Amino acid sequence: MDKNPKRNRDKCNPYYLSSDKKNNTYIVTISSDDIAEDIKVEITKEVFDLMDELEKDEAKLIQRDKRHLNSNIYLIEHDEESFTQEEIMEVFFYKKAKDKPKSLEDKVIEKIENEKLYKALNSLSDMHRRRILLYFKHNLSFSQIAEIEGCSKMAVKYSIDNALKELRKNFFKKN
């Protein structure tokens, strides 16, 4: 079983990921000073991948913030020598909390919704899908799409309206 080297256990992050790819086993191990022995929970590959991605995002954020850390900005009225590096980082991260990466739950929900949207888009006709993508993804106007498609602006508007109704129906359809 390979321990994930990207994360060190500490008081703030008392878990680490490990995997045995040969046996398709993925484990999150939780340890704390409050419990006698580590708690090991087997998780699915999808959850493991999402947690691993979350850890990578968190590590990137920490590295970026360490590079740009200027404690004088955050500790103007205090003598910075009276603070440990950990306290300086804590103040810094507290003020940067609005920039924190999405939670695991938010990432799972986003992934599920993206899959549902992809299925709903694939259920559209080629013409509807093409016009929806030109309008929303490429930010083209009805007039620009009409010029590309060789039809009227109203025809484009009508087909996009119909495609949106179909998308809503397919997106919220129970599987």
C-alpha atoms as a PDB file:
ATOM      1  CA  MET A   1       0.000   0.000   0.000  1.00  0.00           C
ATOM      2  CA  ASP A   2       1.497   3.321  -1.096  1.00  0.00           C
ATOM      3  CA  LYS A   3       1.088   6.279   1.231  1.00  0.00           C
ATOM      4  CA  ASN A   4       0.306   9.530  -0.537  1.00  0.00           C
ATOM      5  CA  PRO A   5       3.530  11.568  -0.237  1.00  0.00           C
ATOM      6  CA  LYS A   6       1.835  14.879  -1.075  1.00  0.00           C
ATOM      7  CA  ARG A   7       0.188  15.260   2.335  1.00  0.00           C
ATOM      8  CA  ASN A   8       1.764  15.165   5.754  1.00  0.00           C
ATOM      9  CA  ARG A   9      -0.487  14.458   8.689  1.00  0.00           C
ATOM     10  CA  ASP A  10      -0.736  17.278  11.147  1.00  0.00           C
ATOM     11  CA  LYS A  11      -3.220  18.681  13.630  1.00  0.00           C
ATOM     12  CA  CYS A  12      -5.139  20.555  10.923  1.00  0.00           C
ATOM     13  CA  ASN A  13      -5.156  17.686   8.431  1.00  0.00           C
ATOM     14  CA  PRO A  14      -5.267  14.445  10.404  1.00  0.00           C
ATOM     15  CA  TYR A  15      -5.778  12.131   7.420  1.00  0.00           C
ATOM     16  CA  TYR A  16      -3.799  10.762   4.544  1.00  0.00           C
ATOM     17  CA  LEU A  17      -4.658   8.862   1.411  1.00  0.00           C
ATOM     18  CA  SER A  18      -3.167   5.561   0.379  1.00  0.00           C
ATOM     19  CA  SER A  19      -3.797   3.204  -2.474  1.00  0.00           C
ATOM     20  CA  ASP A  20      -2.996  -0.263  -3.683  1.00  0.00           C
ATOM     21  CA  LYS A  21      -3.577   0.108  -7.401  1.00  0.00           C
ATOM     22  CA  LYS A  22      -2.761  -3.541  -8.037  1.00  0.00           C
ATOM     23  CA  ASN A  23      -5.757  -4.605  -5.916  1.00  0.00           C
ATOM     24  CA  ASN A  24      -7.870  -1.515  -6.712  1.00  0.00           C
ATOM     25  CA  THR A  25      -8.022  -0.551  -3.026  1.00  0.00           C
ATOM     26  CA  TYR A  26      -8.206   3.064  -1.911  1.00  0.00           C
ATOM     27  CA  ILE A  27      -8.023   4.045   1.752  1.00  0.00           C
ATOM     28  CA  VAL A  28      -8.262   7.209   3.783  1.00  0.00           C
ATOM     29  CA  THR A  29      -6.574   6.886   7.176  1.00  0.00           C
ATOM     30  CA  ILE A  30      -7.626   9.225   9.958  1.00  0.00           C
ATOM     31  CA  SER A  31      -5.518   9.646  13.066  1.00  0.00           C
ATOM     32  CA  SER A  32      -5.654  11.973  16.009  1.00  0.00           C
ATOM     33  CA  ASP A  33      -4.188  12.344  19.449  1.00  0.00           C
ATOM     34  CA  ASP A  34      -7.744  11.906  20.755  1.00  0.00           C
ATOM     35  CA  ILE A  35      -8.141   8.353  19.434  1.00  0.00           C
ATOM     36  CA  ALA A  36      -6.092   5.306  20.370  1.00  0.00           C
ATOM     37  CA  GLU A  37      -5.580   3.852  16.901  1.00  0.00           C
ATOM     38  CA  ASP A  38      -5.913   5.043  13.320  1.00  0.00           C
ATOM     39  CA  ILE A  39      -9.269   4.721  11.584  1.00  0.00           C
ATOM     40  CA  LYS A  40      -9.012   3.282   8.081  1.00  0.00           C
ATOM     41  CA  VAL A  41     -11.902   3.678   5.656  1.00  0.00           C
ATOM     42  CA  GLU A  42     -11.976   2.106   2.221  1.00  0.00           C
ATOM     43  CA  ILE A  43     -13.251   4.531  -0.408  1.00  0.00           C
ATOM     44  CA  THR A  44     -14.059   4.326  -4.104  1.00  0.00           C
ATOM     45  CA  LYS A  45     -11.578   5.371  -6.763  1.00  0.00           C
ATOM     46  CA  GLU A  46     -13.809   8.328  -7.681  1.00  0.00           C
ATOM     47  CA  VAL A  47     -13.795   9.671  -4.109  1.00  0.00           C
ATOM     48  CA  PHE A  48     -10.045   8.981  -3.847  1.00  0.00           C
ATOM     49  CA  ASP A  49      -9.428  10.926  -7.085  1.00  0.00           C
ATOM     50  CA  LEU A  50     -11.549  13.847  -5.894  1.00  0.00           C
ATOM     51  CA  MET A  51      -9.803  13.957  -2.510  1.00  0.00           C
ATOM     52  CA  ASP A  52      -6.423  13.710  -4.232  1.00  0.00           C
ATOM     53  CA  GLU A  53      -7.368  16.578  -6.562  1.00  0.00           C
ATOM     54  CA  LEU A  54      -8.517  18.628  -3.570  1.00  0.00           C
ATOM     55  CA  GLU A  55      -5.162  18.002  -1.855  1.00  0.00           C
ATOM     56  CA  LYS A  56      -3.283  19.086  -4.970  1.00  0.00           C
ATOM     57  CA  ASP A  57      -5.355  22.277  -5.197  1.00  0.00           C
ATOM     58  CA  GLU A  58      -4.720  22.996  -1.522  1.00  0.00           C
ATOM     59  CA  ALA A  59      -0.973  22.386  -1.949  1.00  0.00           C
ATOM     60  CA  LYS A  60      -0.878  24.745  -4.952  1.00  0.00           C
ATOM     61  CA  LEU A  61      -2.708  27.417  -2.951  1.00  0.00           C
ATOM     62  CA  ILE A  62      -0.315  27.047  -0.014  1.00  0.00           C
ATOM     63  CA  GLN A  63       2.730  27.225  -2.294  1.00  0.00           C
ATOM     64  CA  ARG A  64       1.360  30.271  -4.130  1.00  0.00           C
ATOM     65  CA  ASP A  65       0.591  32.030  -0.867  1.00  0.00           C
ATOM     66  CA  LYS A  66       3.994  31.176   0.622  1.00  0.00           C
ATOM     67  CA  ARG A  67       5.668  32.752  -2.417  1.00  0.00           C
ATOM     68  CA  HIS A  68       3.595  35.908  -2.072  1.00  0.00           C
ATOM     69  CA  LEU A  69       3.474  36.105   1.709  1.00  0.00           C
ATOM     70  CA  ASN A  70       4.388  39.526   3.003  1.00  0.00           C
ATOM     71  CA  SER A  71       3.624  39.496   6.703  1.00  0.00           C
ATOM     72  CA  ASN A  72       4.058  43.272   6.994  1.00  0.00           C
ATOM     73  CA  ILE A  73       0.805  43.761   5.079  1.00  0.00           C
ATOM     74  CA  TYR A  74      -1.148  41.630   7.535  1.00  0.00           C
ATOM     75  CA  LEU A  75       0.548  42.520  10.809  1.00  0.00           C
ATOM     76  CA  ILE A  76       0.989  46.285  10.488  1.00  0.00           C
ATOM     77  CA  GLU A  77       0.075  47.194  14.056  1.00  0.00           C
ATOM     78  CA  HIS A  78       1.916  44.260  15.657  1.00  0.00           C
ATOM     79  CA  ASP A  79       5.569  43.498  16.144  1.00  0.00           C
ATOM     80  CA  GLU A  80       5.991  40.666  13.649  1.00  0.00           C
ATOM     81  CA  GLU A  81       8.928  39.220  15.580  1.00  0.00           C
ATOM     82  CA  SER A  82       6.530  38.311  18.388  1.00  0.00           C
ATOM     83  CA  PHE A  83       4.688  35.918  16.053  1.00  0.00           C
ATOM     84  CA  THR A  84       5.794  32.472  15.006  1.00  0.00           C
ATOM     85  CA  GLN A  85       5.778  31.613  11.295  1.00  0.00           C
ATOM     86  CA  GLU A  86       2.713  29.427  11.926  1.00  0.00           C
ATOM     87  CA  GLU A  87       0.826  32.368  13.461  1.00  0.00           C
ATOM     88  CA  ILE A  88       1.762  34.619  10.560  1.00  0.00           C
ATOM     89  CA  MET A  89       0.526  31.961   8.125  1.00  0.00           C
ATOM     90  CA  GLU A  90      -2.679  31.520  10.144  1.00  0.00           C
ATOM     91  CA  VAL A  91      -3.449  35.254   9.926  1.00  0.00           C
ATOM     92  CA  PHE A  92      -2.612  35.221   6.242  1.00  0.00           C
ATOM     93  CA  PHE A  93      -4.838  32.209   5.481  1.00  0.00           C
ATOM     94  CA  TYR A  94      -7.649  33.621   7.582  1.00  0.00           C
ATOM     95  CA  LYS A  95      -7.655  36.736   5.419  1.00  0.00           C
ATOM     96  CA  LYS A  96      -7.374  34.653   2.241  1.00  0.00           C
ATOM     97  CA  ALA A  97     -10.223  32.299   3.215  1.00  0.00           C
ATOM     98  CA  LYS A  98     -12.432  33.634   0.450  1.00  0.00           C
ATOM     99  CA  ASP A  99      -9.954  32.245  -2.102  1.00  0.00           C
ATOM    100  CA  LYS A 100      -9.986  28.708  -0.691  1.00  0.00           C
ATOM    101  CA  PRO A 101     -10.598  25.881  -3.172  1.00  0.00           C
ATOM    102  CA  LYS A 102     -13.969  24.170  -3.491  1.00  0.00           C
ATOM    103  CA  SER A 103     -14.837  21.580  -0.909  1.00  0.00           C
ATOM    104  CA  LEU A 104     -14.940  17.899  -1.788  1.00  0.00           C
ATOM    105  CA  GLU A 105     -18.748  17.953  -1.603  1.00  0.00           C
ATOM    106  CA  ASP A 106     -18.919  20.934  -3.995  1.00  0.00           C
ATOM    107  CA  LYS A 107     -16.600  19.166  -6.439  1.00  0.00           C
ATOM    108  CA  VAL A 108     -18.713  15.985  -6.338  1.00  0.00           C
ATOM    109  CA  ILE A 109     -21.916  17.962  -6.927  1.00  0.00           C
ATOM    110  CA  GLU A 110     -20.296  19.908  -9.764  1.00  0.00           C
ATOM    111  CA  LYS A 111     -19.067  16.683 -11.384  1.00  0.00           C
ATOM    112  CA  ILE A 112     -22.525  15.087 -11.176  1.00  0.00           C
ATOM    113  CA  GLU A 113     -24.177  18.193 -12.628  1.00  0.00           C
ATOM    114  CA  ASN A 114     -21.611  18.379 -15.437  1.00  0.00           C
ATOM    115  CA  GLU A 115     -22.298  14.741 -16.340  1.00  0.00           C
ATOM    116  CA  LYS A 116     -26.064  15.403 -16.342  1.00  0.00           C
ATOM    117  CA  LEU A 117     -25.573  18.489 -18.535  1.00  0.00           C
ATOM    118  CA  TYR A 118     -23.345  16.548 -20.938  1.00  0.00           C
ATOM    119  CA  LYS A 119     -26.022  13.835 -21.265  1.00  0.00           C
ATOM    120  CA  ALA A 120     -28.728  16.454 -21.751  1.00  0.00           C
ATOM    121  CA  LEU A 121     -26.664  18.204 -24.455  1.00  0.00           C
ATOM    122  CA  ASN A 122     -26.046  14.906 -26.238  1.00  0.00           C
ATOM    123  CA  SER A 123     -29.783  14.243 -26.326  1.00  0.00           C
ATOM    124  CA  LEU A 124     -30.330  17.358 -28.482  1.00  0.00           C
ATOM    125  CA  SER A 125     -30.367  17.303 -32.254  1.00  0.00           C
ATOM    126  CA  ASP A 126     -27.136  18.309 -33.978  1.00  0.00           C
ATOM    127  CA  MET A 127     -28.593  21.667 -35.023  1.00  0.00           C
ATOM    128  CA  HIS A 128     -29.857  22.510 -31.513  1.00  0.00           C
ATOM    129  CA  ARG A 129     -26.608  21.430 -29.865  1.00  0.00           C
ATOM    130  CA  ARG A 130     -24.518  23.409 -32.366  1.00  0.00           C
ATOM    131  CA  ARG A 131     -26.600  26.577 -31.880  1.00  0.00           C
ATOM    132  CA  ILE A 132     -26.628  26.267 -28.078  1.00  0.00           C
ATOM    133  CA  LEU A 133     -22.828  25.914 -28.053  1.00  0.00           C
ATOM    134  CA  LEU A 134     -22.343  28.840 -30.443  1.00  0.00           C
ATOM    135  CA  TYR A 135     -24.610  31.012 -28.304  1.00  0.00           C
ATOM    136  CA  PHE A 136     -23.465  30.078 -24.790  1.00  0.00           C
ATOM    137  CA  LYS A 137     -19.929  28.752 -25.184  1.00  0.00           C
ATOM    138  CA  HIS A 138     -18.697  31.035 -27.964  1.00  0.00           C
ATOM    139  CA  ASN A 139     -20.867  34.041 -26.996  1.00  0.00           C
ATOM    140  CA  LEU A 140     -22.181  34.636 -30.508  1.00  0.00           C
ATOM    141  CA  SER A 141     -25.349  36.675 -31.010  1.00  0.00           C
ATOM    142  CA  PHE A 142     -28.490  35.380 -32.744  1.00  0.00           C
ATOM    143  CA  SER A 143     -27.513  37.491 -35.777  1.00  0.00           C
ATOM    144  CA  GLN A 144     -24.000  36.023 -35.927  1.00  0.00           C
ATOM    145  CA  ILE A 145     -25.327  32.461 -35.642  1.00  0.00           C
ATOM    146  CA  ALA A 146     -27.953  33.182 -38.310  1.00  0.00           C
ATOM    147  CA  GLU A 147     -25.222  34.404 -40.645  1.00  0.00           C
ATOM    148  CA  ILE A 148     -23.161  31.233 -40.042  1.00  0.00           C
ATOM    149  CA  GLU A 149     -26.192  28.938 -40.376  1.00  0.00           C
ATOM    150  CA  GLY A 150     -27.674  30.756 -43.365  1.00  0.00           C
ATOM    151  CA  CYS A 151     -31.074  31.366 -41.750  1.00  0.00           C
ATOM    152  CA  SER A 152     -33.011  34.155 -40.069  1.00  0.00           C
ATOM    153  CA  LYS A 153     -32.271  35.599 -36.658  1.00  0.00           C
ATOM    154  CA  MET A 154     -35.772  34.562 -35.492  1.00  0.00           C
ATOM    155  CA  ALA A 155     -35.166  30.970 -36.591  1.00  0.00           C
ATOM    156  CA  VAL A 156     -32.031  30.876 -34.428  1.00  0.00           C
ATOM    157  CA  LYS A 157     -33.860  32.416 -31.455  1.00  0.00           C
ATOM    158  CA  TYR A 158     -36.741  29.958 -31.844  1.00  0.00           C
ATOM    159  CA  SER A 159     -34.424  26.918 -32.068  1.00  0.00           C
ATOM    160  CA  ILE A 160     -32.330  28.033 -29.068  1.00  0.00           C
ATOM    161  CA  ASP A 161     -35.511  28.568 -27.023  1.00  0.00           C
ATOM    162  CA  ASN A 162     -36.702  25.076 -27.957  1.00  0.00           C
ATOM    163  CA  ALA A 163     -33.276  23.593 -27.216  1.00  0.00           C
ATOM    164  CA  LEU A 164     -33.292  25.210 -23.766  1.00  0.00           C
ATOM    165  CA  LYS A 165     -36.724  23.729 -23.012  1.00  0.00           C
ATOM    166  CA  GLU A 166     -35.450  20.318 -24.096  1.00  0.00           C
ATOM    167  CA  LEU A 167     -32.264  20.729 -22.037  1.00  0.00           C
ATOM    168  CA  ARG A 168     -34.263  21.614 -18.918  1.00  0.00           C
ATOM    169  CA  LYS A 169     -36.518  18.621 -19.430  1.00  0.00           C
ATOM    170  CA  ASN A 170     -33.578  16.218 -19.937  1.00  0.00           C
ATOM    171  CA  PHE A 171     -31.429  17.734 -17.175  1.00  0.00           C
ATOM    172  CA  PHE A 172     -34.108  17.366 -14.510  1.00  0.00           C
ATOM    173  CA  LYS A 173     -35.370  14.017 -15.771  1.00  0.00           C
ATOM    174  CA  LYS A 174     -35.053  11.233 -13.179  1.00  0.00           C
ATOM    175  CA  ASN A 175     -32.669   8.484 -14.299  1.00  0.00           C
END
